[in-house]
Amino acid sequence: MAWRRRPIPKRLCPWLAAAKGPSLRYELMYDGAVRKYPDGREVCEDSLDGRREYLRRLGVMLTRQGNRCCLCCQRIYALHDATFEHQRHRGMGSACRDDRIVDAEGQWINGAAHWTCNHEKG
């Protein structure tokens, strides 16, 4: 009686998802920290590099606003007290999210706000 063996899998761990190729919907920027869509929107990724880029952009917005909240005009004392105030509301599960701080014409978009102010605004 001959024993039948399973074929050897091509991948070491076949149950893990295979690496994905480049996307046709967006391109990655800053070593994968930001997604750039064809309509010009930029979205910071949910990763360590994406979080660093998000905080860098938040710091730039705080500096240009003179460390003031864009909603209540009170002083923001620390970066961890601030968050993005998106000009276009995120809605639809963040389908329209745009994390840019300057648009294509060079105009300021989005701003830095207190967590509490942004939460109250909704």
N, C-alpha and C. Protein backbone atom coordinates (compact mmCIF):
# COMPACT_ATOMS: atom_id res chain seq x y z
N MET A 1 0.83 -1.18 0.00
CA MET A 1 0.00 0.00 0.00
C MET A 1 0.88 1.24 0.00
N ALA A 2 0.66 2.12 -0.96
CA ALA A 2 1.45 3.34 -1.09
C ALA A 2 0.75 4.49 -0.37
N TRP A 3 1.54 5.26 0.33
CA TRP A 3 1.00 6.43 1.03
C TRP A 3 0.97 7.61 0.09
N ARG A 4 -0.14 8.30 0.06
CA ARG A 4 -0.24 9.50 -0.77
C ARG A 4 0.12 10.70 0.09
N ARG A 5 0.93 11.53 -0.46
CA ARG A 5 1.35 12.73 0.27
C ARG A 5 0.69 13.95 -0.33
N ARG A 6 0.48 14.95 0.54
CA ARG A 6 -0.05 16.22 0.04
C ARG A 6 1.01 16.92 -0.79
N PRO A 7 0.60 17.68 -1.79
CA PRO A 7 1.61 18.44 -2.55
C PRO A 7 2.22 19.52 -1.66
N ILE A 8 3.45 19.83 -1.91
CA ILE A 8 4.15 20.85 -1.13
C ILE A 8 3.63 22.21 -1.57
N PRO A 9 3.17 23.03 -0.61
CA PRO A 9 2.65 24.35 -1.00
C PRO A 9 3.76 25.23 -1.56
N LYS A 10 3.37 26.13 -2.45
CA LYS A 10 4.35 27.03 -3.06
C LYS A 10 4.81 28.10 -2.10
N ARG A 11 3.92 28.46 -1.20
CA ARG A 11 4.30 29.45 -0.19
C ARG A 11 4.47 28.76 1.14
N LEU A 12 5.29 29.31 1.99
CA LEU A 12 5.56 28.72 3.28
C LEU A 12 4.29 28.70 4.15
N CYS A 13 3.53 29.78 4.13
CA CYS A 13 2.29 29.90 4.91
C CYS A 13 1.15 30.21 3.96
N PRO A 14 0.54 29.23 3.33
CA PRO A 14 -0.48 29.50 2.31
C PRO A 14 -1.74 30.13 2.86
N TRP A 15 -1.96 30.05 4.16
CA TRP A 15 -3.17 30.64 4.73
C TRP A 15 -3.06 32.14 4.91
N LEU A 16 -1.86 32.69 4.83
CA LEU A 16 -1.67 34.14 4.91
C LEU A 16 -1.94 34.76 3.55
N ALA A 17 -2.43 35.98 3.56
CA ALA A 17 -2.72 36.67 2.32
C ALA A 17 -1.43 36.96 1.55
N ALA A 18 -1.52 36.83 0.26
CA ALA A 18 -0.36 37.13 -0.59
C ALA A 18 -0.14 38.64 -0.65
N ALA A 19 1.07 39.04 -0.91
CA ALA A 19 1.39 40.46 -1.01
C ALA A 19 0.63 41.06 -2.20
N LYS A 20 0.07 42.24 -1.98
CA LYS A 20 -0.71 42.89 -3.03
C LYS A 20 0.20 43.71 -3.93
N GLY A 21 -0.19 43.82 -5.16
CA GLY A 21 0.54 44.63 -6.13
C GLY A 21 0.12 46.08 -6.03
N PRO A 22 0.58 46.93 -6.90
CA PRO A 22 0.20 48.34 -6.86
C PRO A 22 -1.29 48.52 -7.16
N SER A 23 -1.88 49.52 -6.53
CA SER A 23 -3.30 49.78 -6.70
C SER A 23 -3.53 50.67 -7.91
N LEU A 24 -4.67 50.48 -8.55
CA LEU A 24 -5.04 51.33 -9.67
C LEU A 24 -5.84 52.54 -9.20
N ARG A 25 -6.28 52.52 -7.93
CA ARG A 25 -7.12 53.59 -7.40
C ARG A 25 -6.33 54.71 -6.76
N TYR A 26 -5.13 54.44 -6.31
CA TYR A 26 -4.33 55.46 -5.64
C TYR A 26 -2.85 55.12 -5.79
N GLU A 27 -2.03 56.11 -5.48
CA GLU A 27 -0.59 55.87 -5.45
C GLU A 27 -0.09 56.18 -4.04
N LEU A 28 0.95 55.50 -3.62
CA LEU A 28 1.50 55.72 -2.29
C LEU A 28 2.62 56.73 -2.35
N MET A 29 2.65 57.62 -1.35
CA MET A 29 3.68 58.65 -1.27
C MET A 29 4.38 58.54 0.08
N TYR A 30 5.54 59.16 0.20
CA TYR A 30 6.30 59.20 1.45
C TYR A 30 6.50 57.81 2.02
N ASP A 31 7.02 56.91 1.20
CA ASP A 31 7.31 55.53 1.60
C ASP A 31 6.08 54.82 2.15
N GLY A 32 4.94 55.04 1.56
CA GLY A 32 3.72 54.34 1.95
C GLY A 32 2.96 54.98 3.08
N ALA A 33 3.32 56.18 3.51
CA ALA A 33 2.65 56.83 4.62
C ALA A 33 1.36 57.52 4.20
N VAL A 34 1.25 57.89 2.92
CA VAL A 34 0.10 58.66 2.44
C VAL A 34 -0.40 58.07 1.13
N ARG A 35 -1.73 57.97 1.01
CA ARG A 35 -2.35 57.58 -0.25
C ARG A 35 -2.75 58.85 -1.00
N LYS A 36 -2.44 58.90 -2.29
CA LYS A 36 -2.87 60.03 -3.12
C LYS A 36 -3.81 59.49 -4.19
N TYR A 37 -5.03 60.02 -4.20
CA TYR A 37 -6.07 59.58 -5.12
C TYR A 37 -6.05 60.44 -6.39
N PRO A 38 -6.64 59.95 -7.49
CA PRO A 38 -6.63 60.71 -8.75
C PRO A 38 -7.30 62.08 -8.66
N ASP A 39 -8.26 62.27 -7.74
CA ASP A 39 -8.91 63.57 -7.60
C ASP A 39 -8.09 64.55 -6.77
N GLY A 40 -6.90 64.15 -6.32
CA GLY A 40 -6.01 65.04 -5.60
C GLY A 40 -6.04 64.88 -4.09
N ARG A 41 -7.00 64.13 -3.56
CA ARG A 41 -7.07 63.93 -2.12
C ARG A 41 -5.87 63.15 -1.62
N GLU A 42 -5.44 63.45 -0.41
CA GLU A 42 -4.38 62.70 0.24
C GLU A 42 -4.91 62.21 1.58
N VAL A 43 -4.65 60.95 1.90
CA VAL A 43 -5.12 60.36 3.14
C VAL A 43 -3.94 59.69 3.83
N CYS A 44 -3.68 60.07 5.08
CA CYS A 44 -2.62 59.45 5.86
C CYS A 44 -3.01 58.02 6.20
N GLU A 45 -2.10 57.09 6.00
CA GLU A 45 -2.36 55.67 6.24
C GLU A 45 -2.47 55.39 7.73
N ASP A 46 -3.09 54.27 8.05
CA ASP A 46 -3.21 53.81 9.42
C ASP A 46 -2.01 52.92 9.75
N SER A 47 -0.86 53.57 9.88
CA SER A 47 0.39 52.86 10.18
C SER A 47 1.28 53.83 10.96
N LEU A 48 2.42 53.35 11.40
CA LEU A 48 3.33 54.20 12.17
C LEU A 48 3.82 55.37 11.32
N ASP A 49 4.21 55.11 10.07
CA ASP A 49 4.67 56.19 9.18
C ASP A 49 3.53 57.16 8.86
N GLY A 50 2.32 56.62 8.68
CA GLY A 50 1.17 57.47 8.42
C GLY A 50 0.85 58.36 9.60
N ARG A 51 0.97 57.83 10.81
CA ARG A 51 0.72 58.62 12.02
C ARG A 51 1.77 59.73 12.17
N ARG A 52 3.00 59.42 11.85
CA ARG A 52 4.06 60.45 11.91
C ARG A 52 3.78 61.58 10.92
N GLU A 53 3.35 61.22 9.72
CA GLU A 53 3.02 62.24 8.71
C GLU A 53 1.81 63.06 9.16
N TYR A 54 0.82 62.41 9.74
CA TYR A 54 -0.37 63.10 10.26
C TYR A 54 0.05 64.12 11.33
N LEU A 55 0.91 63.71 12.26
CA LEU A 55 1.37 64.62 13.31
C LEU A 55 2.23 65.74 12.75
N ARG A 56 3.02 65.45 11.71
CA ARG A 56 3.83 66.50 11.08
C ARG A 56 2.92 67.56 10.47
N ARG A 57 1.90 67.11 9.74
CA ARG A 57 0.96 68.04 9.12
C ARG A 57 0.19 68.82 10.19
N LEU A 58 -0.16 68.17 11.27
CA LEU A 58 -0.86 68.85 12.35
C LEU A 58 0.03 69.94 12.95
N GLY A 59 1.32 69.66 13.10
CA GLY A 59 2.26 70.66 13.62
C GLY A 59 2.40 71.85 12.68
N VAL A 60 2.40 71.59 11.37
CA VAL A 60 2.48 72.68 10.38
C VAL A 60 1.24 73.57 10.49
N MET A 61 0.07 72.94 10.63
CA MET A 61 -1.17 73.72 10.74
C MET A 61 -1.18 74.55 12.02
N LEU A 62 -0.69 73.97 13.12
CA LEU A 62 -0.65 74.72 14.38
C LEU A 62 0.26 75.93 14.25
N THR A 63 1.40 75.76 13.60
CA THR A 63 2.34 76.87 13.42
C THR A 63 1.73 77.98 12.57
N ARG A 64 1.08 77.63 11.48
CA ARG A 64 0.51 78.65 10.60
C ARG A 64 -0.68 79.35 11.25
N GLN A 65 -1.35 78.70 12.20
CA GLN A 65 -2.48 79.30 12.91
C GLN A 65 -2.04 80.02 14.18
N GLY A 66 -0.75 80.05 14.45
CA GLY A 66 -0.26 80.71 15.65
C GLY A 66 -0.66 79.98 16.93
N ASN A 67 -0.70 78.65 16.87
CA ASN A 67 -1.10 77.80 17.99
C ASN A 67 -2.48 78.12 18.52
N ARG A 68 -3.38 78.51 17.64
CA ARG A 68 -4.77 78.81 18.01
C ARG A 68 -5.69 77.78 17.37
N CYS A 69 -6.77 77.45 18.08
CA CYS A 69 -7.78 76.54 17.56
C CYS A 69 -8.54 77.25 16.44
N CYS A 70 -8.81 76.55 15.35
CA CYS A 70 -9.51 77.18 14.24
C CYS A 70 -11.01 77.33 14.52
N LEU A 71 -11.52 76.73 15.57
CA LEU A 71 -12.94 76.82 15.90
C LEU A 71 -13.23 77.82 17.00
N CYS A 72 -12.47 77.74 18.11
CA CYS A 72 -12.76 78.62 19.24
C CYS A 72 -11.73 79.74 19.42
N CYS A 73 -10.66 79.72 18.67
CA CYS A 73 -9.58 80.73 18.70
C CYS A 73 -8.84 80.78 20.04
N GLN A 74 -9.01 79.78 20.88
CA GLN A 74 -8.23 79.69 22.12
C GLN A 74 -6.89 79.03 21.81
N ARG A 75 -5.93 79.22 22.68
CA ARG A 75 -4.59 78.70 22.48
C ARG A 75 -4.57 77.17 22.66
N ILE A 76 -3.84 76.49 21.78
CA ILE A 76 -3.58 75.05 21.91
C ILE A 76 -2.15 74.92 22.44
N TYR A 77 -2.02 74.35 23.63
CA TYR A 77 -0.71 74.33 24.28
C TYR A 77 0.17 73.16 23.87
N ALA A 78 -0.41 72.05 23.47
CA ALA A 78 0.40 70.88 23.12
C ALA A 78 -0.16 70.20 21.87
N LEU A 79 0.72 69.55 21.16
CA LEU A 79 0.31 68.87 19.93
C LEU A 79 -0.68 67.74 20.20
N HIS A 80 -0.55 67.08 21.35
CA HIS A 80 -1.47 65.97 21.64
C HIS A 80 -2.87 66.46 22.00
N ASP A 81 -3.06 67.77 22.19
CA ASP A 81 -4.38 68.32 22.44
C ASP A 81 -5.09 68.72 21.15
N ALA A 82 -4.41 68.60 20.02
CA ALA A 82 -4.96 69.07 18.74
C ALA A 82 -5.35 67.91 17.85
N THR A 83 -6.25 68.19 16.92
CA THR A 83 -6.66 67.22 15.92
C THR A 83 -7.01 67.95 14.62
N PHE A 84 -7.12 67.20 13.53
CA PHE A 84 -7.50 67.77 12.24
C PHE A 84 -8.94 68.25 12.29
N GLU A 85 -9.19 69.43 11.79
CA GLU A 85 -10.56 69.90 11.53
C GLU A 85 -10.66 69.90 10.01
N HIS A 86 -11.35 68.90 9.46
CA HIS A 86 -11.45 68.76 8.01
C HIS A 86 -12.45 69.76 7.45
N GLN A 87 -12.04 70.47 6.41
CA GLN A 87 -12.90 71.46 5.78
C GLN A 87 -14.11 70.77 5.15
N ARG A 88 -13.84 69.72 4.38
CA ARG A 88 -14.93 68.89 3.85
C ARG A 88 -15.17 67.81 4.88
N HIS A 89 -16.38 67.72 5.35
CA HIS A 89 -16.66 66.75 6.39
C HIS A 89 -16.40 65.35 5.87
N ARG A 90 -15.91 64.51 6.73
CA ARG A 90 -15.45 63.19 6.32
C ARG A 90 -16.59 62.31 5.87
N GLY A 91 -17.66 62.20 6.59
CA GLY A 91 -18.86 61.46 6.19
C GLY A 91 -18.62 60.16 5.44
N MET A 92 -19.64 59.42 5.21
CA MET A 92 -19.62 58.18 4.42
C MET A 92 -18.47 57.26 4.84
N GLY A 93 -18.18 57.18 6.11
CA GLY A 93 -17.10 56.30 6.56
C GLY A 93 -15.75 56.77 6.08
N SER A 94 -15.54 58.06 6.01
CA SER A 94 -14.29 58.68 5.58
C SER A 94 -14.01 58.49 4.09
N ALA A 95 -15.05 58.27 3.30
CA ALA A 95 -14.85 58.08 1.86
C ALA A 95 -14.39 59.37 1.19
N CYS A 96 -14.68 60.52 1.77
CA CYS A 96 -14.30 61.80 1.17
C CYS A 96 -13.19 62.49 1.96
N ARG A 97 -12.49 61.76 2.76
CA ARG A 97 -11.47 62.33 3.62
C ARG A 97 -10.34 62.94 2.81
N ASP A 98 -9.83 64.08 3.26
CA ASP A 98 -8.72 64.75 2.60
C ASP A 98 -7.82 65.34 3.68
N ASP A 99 -6.61 64.81 3.82
CA ASP A 99 -5.68 65.24 4.86
C ASP A 99 -4.65 66.25 4.36
N ARG A 100 -4.89 66.85 3.21
CA ARG A 100 -3.95 67.87 2.73
C ARG A 100 -4.05 69.11 3.60
N ILE A 101 -3.00 69.91 3.63
CA ILE A 101 -3.05 71.17 4.36
C ILE A 101 -3.02 72.36 3.41
N VAL A 102 -2.66 72.12 2.15
CA VAL A 102 -2.66 73.14 1.11
C VAL A 102 -3.22 72.50 -0.16
N ASP A 103 -4.16 73.17 -0.82
CA ASP A 103 -4.73 72.58 -2.04
C ASP A 103 -3.84 72.87 -3.24
N ALA A 104 -4.28 72.49 -4.42
CA ALA A 104 -3.48 72.62 -5.64
C ALA A 104 -3.18 74.08 -5.99
N GLU A 105 -4.06 75.01 -5.60
CA GLU A 105 -3.85 76.44 -5.88
C GLU A 105 -3.01 77.13 -4.81
N GLY A 106 -2.61 76.41 -3.77
CA GLY A 106 -1.81 77.00 -2.70
C GLY A 106 -2.63 77.60 -1.57
N GLN A 107 -3.96 77.38 -1.59
CA GLN A 107 -4.83 77.90 -0.53
C GLN A 107 -4.80 76.94 0.66
N TRP A 108 -4.88 77.50 1.86
CA TRP A 108 -4.93 76.66 3.06
C TRP A 108 -6.26 75.93 3.11
N ILE A 109 -6.20 74.65 3.40
CA ILE A 109 -7.41 73.89 3.67
C ILE A 109 -7.18 73.10 4.95
N ASN A 110 -8.26 72.74 5.61
CA ASN A 110 -8.21 72.05 6.89
C ASN A 110 -7.54 72.93 7.95
N GLY A 111 -7.65 72.54 9.18
CA GLY A 111 -7.06 73.31 10.25
C GLY A 111 -6.86 72.44 11.47
N ALA A 112 -6.21 72.99 12.47
CA ALA A 112 -5.99 72.29 13.73
C ALA A 112 -6.98 72.83 14.75
N ALA A 113 -7.60 71.91 15.50
CA ALA A 113 -8.59 72.30 16.50
C ALA A 113 -8.39 71.48 17.76
N HIS A 114 -8.94 71.97 18.87
CA HIS A 114 -8.95 71.18 20.09
C HIS A 114 -9.78 69.92 19.86
N TRP A 115 -9.44 68.85 20.56
CA TRP A 115 -10.23 67.64 20.48
C TRP A 115 -11.68 67.92 20.89
N THR A 116 -11.85 68.65 21.97
CA THR A 116 -13.20 68.90 22.48
C THR A 116 -14.02 69.78 21.52
N CYS A 117 -13.40 70.80 20.94
CA CYS A 117 -14.11 71.65 19.99
C CYS A 117 -14.55 70.87 18.77
N ASN A 118 -13.64 70.03 18.27
CA ASN A 118 -13.94 69.25 17.08
C ASN A 118 -15.02 68.22 17.38
N HIS A 119 -15.01 67.66 18.58
CA HIS A 119 -16.03 66.68 18.95
C HIS A 119 -17.40 67.33 19.10
N GLU A 120 -17.43 68.53 19.69
CA GLU A 120 -18.70 69.22 19.87
C GLU A 120 -19.29 69.65 18.53
N LYS A 121 -18.43 70.05 17.60
CA LYS A 121 -18.91 70.46 16.28
C LYS A 121 -19.49 69.27 15.52
N GLY A 122 -18.86 68.12 15.72
CA GLY A 122 -19.37 66.90 15.08
C GLY A 122 -18.69 66.56 13.79
